[in-house]
């Protein structure tokens, strides 16, 4: 039998990333000797300037038909190997699948409108195991969920970064990790509890944190204060004997972030900027509809340190469904990750920890791994181990993930 260690080594060996060769310019023709002149006193040369190594480049494919109008086409692929244990059964579920397969389209119109749309085919060919029942045997089927619209929104920015209006299907402004782009995550995926209420608002499938609405956002005080506030569809109430359905107010969400150093002006935050920015921020979010409430606070750091980049974040979030969302119990999650990108070799040892305090069952997830960034977010390789524990189950389980990413926009 082939061991998991052999599988992991084999997957790592599949990744061969080329290096560009520098071309050498031929020397100019030899000039005629200049006439002799009086000897000038020697001039001491200044010491060489120390320049930090730039972060790995990002790939971009962009067309500009006319001034102010652009079209960018991108791709996000995350082939993955996973070995996942179980809280009640023995052994591991081994899978080779695509964690994300996205086609991305974005750009600008007339210099004041931005647009973004991406599709996804999540967990393509991930095996789903169904236990045997009294009437049916145990079954395993490979996941082919169909192509979904992952995000689709437009942004109007008549005053640059000061005022922006987003409208469409998007991530509401929750905690920092819940607004990060999937192609720029630090660890191999989002925190497990970032989108805990994702399926609580009556959608036919899991929207992975998305909702449809309109949002106002911008940067104030020279980028040191960011605000986001929006109204979203949320949960629509059913029809009654006397009242039409959807006769209730929308979901209201807001976020404020203090940027002590560089701002994060894009719609999506990054899990790490790999040295391209100096980020130290403190944020807070609120999400409410009827008696459902969500509160979150977070701290995020992504700073050059000792020739490399130190990255860490902590998110604390609380959910309470109340009488409006009875399927969502009172729960509080503490989620964090920290690591250091070693300059020169672009390798980051990363630790992560999550704890969910719930009226149903407490859970914890802890572990760590390595991320290799030879081409930054455009192409990287991550290998992680996680120990998962849930109160009331026979035992904890182990999880191993190896993921290769190709991403450009």
Protein backbone atom coordinates (compact mmCIF):
# COMPACT_ATOMS: atom_id res chain seq x y z
CA UNK A 1 0.00 0.00 0.00
CA UNK A 2 1.28 3.48 -0.89
CA UNK A 3 1.73 5.62 2.22
CA UNK A 4 0.33 9.16 2.53
CA UNK A 5 3.90 10.39 2.89
CA UNK A 6 4.69 8.96 -0.57
CA UNK A 7 1.54 10.62 -1.99
CA UNK A 8 2.48 13.96 -0.50
CA UNK A 9 6.06 13.74 -1.84
CA UNK A 10 4.71 12.76 -5.26
CA UNK A 11 2.34 15.72 -5.39
CA UNK A 12 5.10 18.09 -4.38
CA UNK A 13 7.29 16.66 -7.14
CA UNK A 14 4.67 17.49 -9.78
CA UNK A 15 5.24 21.19 -9.27
CA UNK A 16 8.00 22.41 -11.58
CA UNK A 17 8.16 26.14 -11.93
CA UNK A 18 10.44 27.60 -14.53
CA UNK A 19 12.73 30.56 -14.14
CA UNK A 20 13.20 33.33 -16.70
CA UNK A 21 16.66 33.77 -18.12
CA UNK A 22 18.05 37.27 -18.33
CA UNK A 23 19.31 38.33 -21.76
CA UNK A 24 22.66 40.09 -21.92
CA UNK A 25 22.98 43.29 -23.98
CA UNK A 26 26.21 43.40 -26.12
CA UNK A 27 28.70 46.12 -25.11
CA UNK A 28 28.81 49.34 -27.16
CA UNK A 29 31.65 49.85 -29.68
CA UNK A 30 34.93 51.06 -28.15
CA UNK A 31 35.15 54.87 -28.19
CA UNK A 32 38.23 56.81 -29.35
CA UNK A 33 40.57 57.87 -26.51
CA UNK A 34 39.82 61.34 -25.13
CA UNK A 35 42.57 63.99 -25.03
CA UNK A 36 44.57 64.14 -21.84
CA UNK A 37 43.26 66.50 -19.17
CA UNK A 38 44.50 67.65 -15.83
CA UNK A 39 44.15 64.94 -13.22
CA UNK A 40 41.11 65.48 -10.98
CA UNK A 41 41.20 64.60 -7.31
CA UNK A 42 39.70 61.19 -6.59
CA UNK A 43 36.02 61.21 -5.58
CA UNK A 44 34.93 58.76 -2.95
CA UNK A 45 32.07 56.63 -4.22
CA UNK A 46 28.90 56.64 -2.08
CA UNK A 47 28.06 53.40 -0.25
CA UNK A 48 25.70 51.09 -2.17
CA UNK A 49 22.02 51.57 -1.39
CA UNK A 50 20.36 48.64 0.35
CA UNK A 51 17.09 47.80 -1.40
CA UNK A 52 14.69 45.17 -0.08
CA UNK A 53 13.89 42.35 -2.47
CA UNK A 54 10.53 42.96 -4.19
CA UNK A 55 7.68 40.51 -3.65
CA UNK A 56 7.10 37.88 -6.35
CA UNK A 57 5.28 39.32 -9.39
CA UNK A 58 1.57 38.80 -10.05
CA UNK A 59 0.27 37.72 -13.45
CA UNK A 60 -2.30 39.95 -15.15
CA UNK A 61 -4.07 39.71 -18.52
CA UNK A 62 -5.68 43.04 -19.37
CA UNK A 63 -7.13 44.71 -22.46
CA UNK A 64 -7.77 48.45 -22.77
CA UNK A 65 -10.08 49.13 -25.77
CA UNK A 66 -10.38 52.86 -25.00
CA UNK A 67 -9.17 55.14 -22.27
CA UNK A 68 -10.98 54.41 -19.01
CA UNK A 69 -12.44 51.11 -20.26
CA UNK A 70 -10.64 47.89 -19.39
CA UNK A 71 -11.31 44.16 -19.47
CA UNK A 72 -9.41 41.64 -17.38
CA UNK A 73 -9.88 37.88 -17.60
CA UNK A 74 -8.55 35.60 -14.90
CA UNK A 75 -8.46 32.08 -13.55
CA UNK A 76 -8.24 30.49 -10.10
CA UNK A 77 -7.44 26.78 -9.86
CA UNK A 78 -6.67 24.96 -6.60
CA UNK A 79 -5.93 21.25 -7.16
CA UNK A 80 -5.82 19.57 -3.76
CA UNK A 81 -5.04 16.30 -1.98
CA UNK A 82 -6.92 15.74 1.26
CA UNK A 83 -6.82 12.99 3.86
CA UNK A 84 -9.62 13.52 6.39
CA UNK A 85 -10.42 11.49 9.48
CA UNK A 86 -13.79 11.11 11.19
CA UNK A 87 -15.04 11.77 14.74
CA UNK A 88 -16.77 8.37 14.99
CA UNK A 89 -15.22 6.09 12.33
CA UNK A 90 -11.69 4.80 11.81
CA UNK A 91 -9.43 5.50 8.83
CA UNK A 92 -9.11 8.42 6.41
CA UNK A 93 -11.11 9.62 3.43
CA UNK A 94 -8.50 10.24 0.71
CA UNK A 95 -9.41 12.55 -2.15
CA UNK A 96 -7.87 14.30 -5.14
CA UNK A 97 -10.15 17.16 -6.19
CA UNK A 98 -10.34 20.80 -7.24
CA UNK A 99 -11.07 22.94 -4.20
CA UNK A 100 -11.88 25.90 -6.46
CA UNK A 101 -12.18 26.22 -10.26
CA UNK A 102 -13.08 29.83 -11.05
CA UNK A 103 -13.26 31.96 -14.18
CA UNK A 104 -12.90 35.64 -13.29
CA UNK A 105 -13.83 38.72 -15.30
CA UNK A 106 -13.29 42.30 -14.15
CA UNK A 107 -12.52 45.76 -15.39
CA UNK A 108 -13.68 49.38 -15.56
CA UNK A 109 -15.98 51.59 -17.64
CA UNK A 110 -15.61 55.33 -18.29
CA UNK A 111 -13.15 55.61 -15.40
CA UNK A 112 -15.93 55.65 -12.76
CA UNK A 113 -17.46 52.15 -12.88
CA UNK A 114 -15.77 48.88 -11.92
CA UNK A 115 -17.27 45.45 -12.44
CA UNK A 116 -16.41 41.97 -11.23
CA UNK A 117 -17.90 38.55 -11.91
CA UNK A 118 -16.58 35.10 -11.18
CA UNK A 119 -17.92 31.58 -11.43
CA UNK A 120 -16.99 28.55 -9.35
CA UNK A 121 -17.16 24.78 -9.54
CA UNK A 122 -16.29 24.11 -5.86
CA UNK A 123 -14.90 20.80 -4.59
CA UNK A 124 -14.99 19.24 -8.05
CA UNK A 125 -14.88 15.41 -7.74
CA UNK A 126 -14.65 15.46 -3.95
CA UNK A 127 -16.17 12.15 -2.84
CA UNK A 128 -19.32 12.28 -0.72
CA UNK A 129 -19.82 9.25 1.51
CA UNK A 130 -23.31 8.19 2.62
CA UNK A 131 -23.71 5.67 5.42
CA UNK A 132 -25.88 2.61 4.98
CA UNK A 133 -29.51 2.70 6.13
CA UNK A 134 -32.15 0.04 6.65
CA UNK A 135 -33.28 0.45 3.04
CA UNK A 136 -30.09 1.46 1.17
CA UNK A 137 -26.44 0.37 1.16
CA UNK A 138 -23.51 2.70 1.86
CA UNK A 139 -22.69 4.80 -1.20
CA UNK A 140 -19.90 7.08 -2.44
CA UNK A 141 -20.41 9.64 -5.19
CA UNK A 142 -18.00 12.20 -6.63
CA UNK A 143 -19.16 15.79 -6.40
CA UNK A 144 -20.16 17.49 -9.68
CA UNK A 145 -22.21 20.43 -8.36
CA UNK A 146 -22.43 22.49 -11.52
CA UNK A 147 -21.12 25.97 -12.26
CA UNK A 148 -22.21 28.69 -9.83
CA UNK A 149 -22.07 32.49 -9.88
CA UNK A 150 -19.68 33.21 -7.02
CA UNK A 151 -19.66 37.03 -7.14
CA UNK A 152 -21.34 39.54 -9.45
CA UNK A 153 -21.30 43.25 -8.60
CA UNK A 154 -20.60 46.70 -9.98
CA UNK A 155 -18.88 49.59 -8.20
CA UNK A 156 -19.46 53.30 -8.80
CA UNK A 157 -16.62 55.52 -7.54
CA UNK A 158 -17.28 59.16 -8.53
CA UNK A 159 -14.84 60.44 -5.86
CA UNK A 160 -12.05 57.87 -6.06
CA UNK A 161 -11.50 55.95 -2.82
CA UNK A 162 -13.50 58.47 -0.78
CA UNK A 163 -16.95 57.18 -1.80
CA UNK A 164 -17.74 53.89 -3.52
CA UNK A 165 -21.13 52.23 -4.08
CA UNK A 166 -21.25 48.47 -4.66
CA UNK A 167 -24.41 46.76 -5.94
CA UNK A 168 -24.95 43.08 -6.67
CA UNK A 169 -24.07 39.67 -5.26
CA UNK A 170 -21.10 39.99 -2.91
CA UNK A 171 -19.52 39.39 0.49
CA UNK A 172 -21.16 41.53 3.21
CA UNK A 173 -18.66 43.43 5.40
CA UNK A 174 -18.12 40.92 8.21
CA UNK A 175 -14.78 40.18 9.94
CA UNK A 176 -11.49 40.58 8.01
CA UNK A 177 -11.08 36.92 7.05
CA UNK A 178 -14.66 36.81 5.74
CA UNK A 179 -13.94 39.62 3.22
CA UNK A 180 -10.63 38.23 1.92
CA UNK A 181 -10.24 37.03 -1.65
CA UNK A 182 -9.85 33.27 -2.06
CA UNK A 183 -6.80 33.72 -4.30
CA UNK A 184 -4.84 35.70 -1.69
CA UNK A 185 -5.41 33.63 1.46
CA UNK A 186 -2.48 33.05 3.80
CA UNK A 187 -3.24 29.50 4.90
CA UNK A 188 -4.75 26.84 2.63
CA UNK A 189 -8.33 28.08 3.14
CA UNK A 190 -10.59 30.43 5.10
CA UNK A 191 -11.15 29.93 8.81
CA UNK A 192 -13.65 27.09 9.25
CA UNK A 193 -16.05 29.33 11.22
CA UNK A 194 -15.83 32.57 9.20
CA UNK A 195 -19.09 31.83 7.36
CA UNK A 196 -20.95 30.09 10.17
CA UNK A 197 -24.28 31.78 9.36
CA UNK A 198 -23.88 31.33 5.60
CA UNK A 199 -26.81 28.93 5.15
CA UNK A 200 -29.12 30.67 7.62
CA UNK A 201 -30.75 33.13 5.20
CA UNK A 202 -32.91 30.82 3.11
CA UNK A 203 -30.86 30.35 -0.07
CA UNK A 204 -31.29 27.15 -2.09
CA UNK A 205 -27.57 26.38 -1.84
CA UNK A 206 -24.66 27.45 0.33
CA UNK A 207 -23.66 30.96 -0.86
CA UNK A 208 -20.40 30.80 1.17
CA UNK A 209 -21.03 34.11 2.90
CA UNK A 210 -22.45 35.98 -0.11
CA UNK A 211 -25.69 37.94 -0.18
CA UNK A 212 -27.31 40.32 -2.65
CA UNK A 213 -27.58 43.99 -1.83
CA UNK A 214 -26.09 47.46 -2.03
CA UNK A 215 -23.14 48.79 -0.04
CA UNK A 216 -21.49 52.15 0.61
CA UNK A 217 -17.77 52.11 1.40
CA UNK A 218 -14.72 54.36 1.27
CA UNK A 219 -11.54 55.61 2.87
CA UNK A 220 -11.28 58.72 5.06
CA UNK A 221 -8.43 60.54 6.86
CA UNK A 222 -5.86 59.82 4.16
CA UNK A 223 -6.80 56.13 4.14
CA UNK A 224 -6.51 55.60 7.89
CA UNK A 225 -10.25 55.01 8.35
CA UNK A 226 -12.30 52.65 6.21
CA UNK A 227 -16.09 52.37 6.39
CA UNK A 228 -18.52 49.87 4.85
CA UNK A 229 -22.30 49.79 5.33
CA UNK A 230 -24.94 47.96 3.36
CA UNK A 231 -28.44 46.55 3.08
CA UNK A 232 -28.75 42.95 1.92
CA UNK A 233 -31.58 40.57 1.04
CA UNK A 234 -31.17 38.47 4.16
CA UNK A 235 -33.91 36.07 5.22
CA UNK A 236 -37.32 36.72 3.63
CA UNK A 237 -40.35 35.83 5.73
CA UNK A 238 -42.94 33.42 4.32
CA UNK A 239 -46.45 34.34 3.35
CA UNK A 240 -49.16 34.20 6.01
CA UNK A 241 -52.94 34.05 5.82
CA UNK A 242 -53.11 37.85 5.79
CA UNK A 243 -49.69 39.09 4.62
CA UNK A 244 -47.64 38.55 1.45
CA UNK A 245 -44.27 36.88 1.69
CA UNK A 246 -41.00 38.86 1.99
CA UNK A 247 -42.83 41.56 3.94
CA UNK A 248 -39.92 42.29 6.27
CA UNK A 249 -36.99 44.68 6.39
CA UNK A 250 -33.58 43.80 4.98
CA UNK A 251 -30.36 42.64 6.58
CA UNK A 252 -28.16 45.57 7.68
CA UNK A 253 -24.39 45.15 7.88
CA UNK A 254 -21.58 47.61 8.68
CA UNK A 255 -17.84 47.58 9.25
CA UNK A 256 -15.23 50.11 10.39
CA UNK A 257 -11.48 49.50 10.07
CA UNK A 258 -8.66 51.66 11.42
CA UNK A 259 -5.54 51.46 9.24
CA UNK A 260 -2.51 52.45 11.28
CA UNK A 261 -0.22 52.12 8.25
CA UNK A 262 -1.20 51.40 4.62
CA UNK A 263 -4.90 51.13 3.66
CA UNK A 264 -6.59 48.21 1.91
CA UNK A 265 -8.55 50.05 -0.82
CA UNK A 266 -9.83 47.06 -2.81
CA UNK A 267 -13.18 45.37 -2.35
CA UNK A 268 -11.44 42.15 -1.27
CA UNK A 269 -8.83 42.16 1.47
CA UNK A 270 -5.76 39.92 1.14
CA UNK A 271 -4.63 37.29 3.63
CA UNK A 272 -1.09 38.55 3.00
CA UNK A 273 0.40 41.19 0.69
CA UNK A 274 3.78 39.39 0.65
CA UNK A 275 5.68 42.60 1.43
CA UNK A 276 3.91 44.84 -1.10
CA UNK A 277 2.15 46.73 1.72
CA UNK A 278 2.66 47.52 5.39
CA UNK A 279 -0.61 46.66 7.10
CA UNK A 280 -1.58 47.04 10.74
CA UNK A 281 -5.34 47.34 11.20
CA UNK A 282 -8.09 47.03 13.79
CA UNK A 283 -11.63 46.33 12.59
CA UNK A 284 -15.15 45.80 13.89
CA UNK A 285 -18.33 44.56 12.19
CA UNK A 286 -22.03 44.26 12.94
CA UNK A 287 -24.72 42.31 11.08
CA UNK A 288 -28.37 42.37 12.10
CA UNK A 289 -31.87 41.50 10.88
CA UNK A 290 -34.85 41.38 13.23
CA UNK A 291 -33.62 39.41 16.30
CA UNK A 292 -30.58 37.93 14.49
CA UNK A 293 -27.33 39.63 15.51
CA UNK A 294 -23.64 39.20 14.64
CA UNK A 295 -20.71 41.09 16.18
CA UNK A 296 -17.03 40.75 15.27
CA UNK A 297 -13.67 42.33 15.97
CA UNK A 298 -10.33 41.66 14.31
CA UNK A 299 -6.66 42.63 14.26
CA UNK A 300 -4.54 42.13 11.14
CA UNK A 301 -0.78 42.61 10.67
CA UNK A 302 1.31 42.10 7.51
CA UNK A 303 4.67 43.76 8.06
CA UNK A 304 8.27 43.51 6.77
CA UNK A 305 10.52 42.13 9.51
CA UNK A 306 14.12 40.94 9.44
CA UNK A 307 14.36 40.50 5.68
CA UNK A 308 11.00 38.70 5.45
CA UNK A 309 7.32 39.36 6.16
CA UNK A 310 5.47 38.69 9.41
CA UNK A 311 1.74 38.01 8.99
CA UNK A 312 -0.89 37.41 11.68
CA UNK A 313 -4.57 37.96 12.30
CA UNK A 314 -7.14 37.24 14.98
CA UNK A 315 -10.91 37.34 14.38
CA UNK A 316 -13.47 37.07 17.19
CA UNK A 317 -17.12 36.70 16.14
CA UNK A 318 -20.44 36.08 17.87
CA UNK A 319 -23.70 34.86 16.28
CA UNK A 320 -27.18 34.73 17.77
CA UNK A 321 -30.16 33.74 15.62
CA UNK A 322 -32.80 34.65 18.19
CA UNK A 323 -36.42 33.96 17.30
CA UNK A 324 -35.78 35.10 13.70
CA UNK A 325 -33.29 32.34 12.75
CA UNK A 326 -34.08 29.52 15.15
CA UNK A 327 -31.61 27.14 13.44
CA UNK A 328 -28.67 29.38 14.42
CA UNK A 329 -27.74 28.93 18.10
CA UNK A 330 -25.73 31.34 20.23
CA UNK A 331 -22.08 30.77 19.22
CA UNK A 332 -18.76 32.58 19.64
CA UNK A 333 -15.63 31.83 17.59
CA UNK A 334 -12.00 32.80 18.14
CA UNK A 335 -9.96 32.32 14.96
CA UNK A 336 -6.29 33.10 14.36
CA UNK A 337 -3.24 32.44 12.20
CA UNK A 338 0.37 33.61 12.28
CA UNK A 339 3.47 32.98 10.21
CA UNK A 340 6.67 34.38 8.77
CA UNK A 341 7.65 34.52 5.09
CA UNK A 342 11.39 33.88 5.00
CA UNK A 343 13.02 36.32 2.58
CA UNK A 344 14.97 34.82 -0.30
CA UNK A 345 13.35 31.39 -0.24
CA UNK A 346 9.69 32.60 -0.07
CA UNK A 347 8.65 29.91 2.41
CA UNK A 348 6.22 30.63 5.28
CA UNK A 349 5.80 28.40 8.33
CA UNK A 350 2.20 29.10 9.47
CA UNK A 351 0.25 28.16 12.61
CA UNK A 352 -3.53 28.36 12.92
CA UNK A 353 -6.05 27.87 15.72
CA UNK A 354 -9.85 28.12 15.99
CA UNK A 355 -12.24 27.55 18.86
CA UNK A 356 -16.03 27.62 18.69
CA UNK A 357 -18.02 27.96 21.90
CA UNK A 358 -21.56 26.83 21.13
CA UNK A 359 -24.74 25.94 22.97
CA UNK A 360 -24.80 22.83 20.76
CA UNK A 361 -21.21 21.49 20.93
CA UNK A 362 -17.82 23.18 21.38
CA UNK A 363 -15.28 22.62 18.60
CA UNK A 364 -11.58 23.29 18.12
CA UNK A 365 -9.23 23.17 15.14
CA UNK A 366 -5.49 23.60 15.47
CA UNK A 367 -2.45 22.87 13.33
CA UNK A 368 0.04 24.34 10.96
CA UNK A 369 1.98 23.92 7.78
CA UNK A 370 4.18 25.46 5.11
CA UNK A 371 3.40 27.77 2.20
CA UNK A 372 5.87 28.24 -0.67
CA UNK A 373 5.40 31.42 -2.73
CA UNK A 374 7.80 31.19 -5.74
CA UNK A 375 5.44 33.34 -7.81
CA UNK A 376 3.48 34.97 -4.99
CA UNK A 377 -0.27 34.45 -5.19
CA UNK A 378 0.01 33.63 -8.90
CA UNK A 379 1.41 30.18 -8.14
CA UNK A 380 2.08 28.69 -4.73
CA UNK A 381 2.09 25.38 -2.89
CA UNK A 382 0.72 24.76 0.61
CA UNK A 383 0.84 21.72 2.90
CA UNK A 384 -1.08 21.74 6.20
CA UNK A 385 -2.04 19.50 9.11
CA UNK A 386 -5.12 20.16 11.29
CA UNK A 387 -6.37 18.43 14.44
CA UNK A 388 -10.17 18.65 14.72
CA UNK A 389 -12.02 18.05 17.99
CA UNK A 390 -15.73 18.26 18.81
CA UNK A 391 -17.29 17.81 22.23
CA UNK A 392 -19.50 14.75 22.63
CA UNK A 393 -17.85 12.67 19.88
CA UNK A 394 -15.82 9.48 20.47
CA UNK A 395 -12.48 10.99 19.41
CA UNK A 396 -10.75 13.82 17.54
CA UNK A 397 -9.66 13.42 13.93
CA UNK A 398 -6.69 14.45 11.78
CA UNK A 399 -6.72 16.32 8.49
CA UNK A 400 -3.97 16.68 5.86
CA UNK A 401 -4.19 19.08 2.90
CA UNK A 402 -1.74 19.73 0.06
CA UNK A 403 -2.83 22.43 -2.37
CA UNK A 404 -1.29 23.94 -5.48
CA UNK A 405 -2.68 27.26 -6.73
CA UNK A 406 -2.69 28.99 -10.10
CA UNK A 407 -4.24 32.46 -10.00
CA UNK A 408 -4.22 35.54 -12.19
CA UNK A 409 -6.50 38.47 -12.92
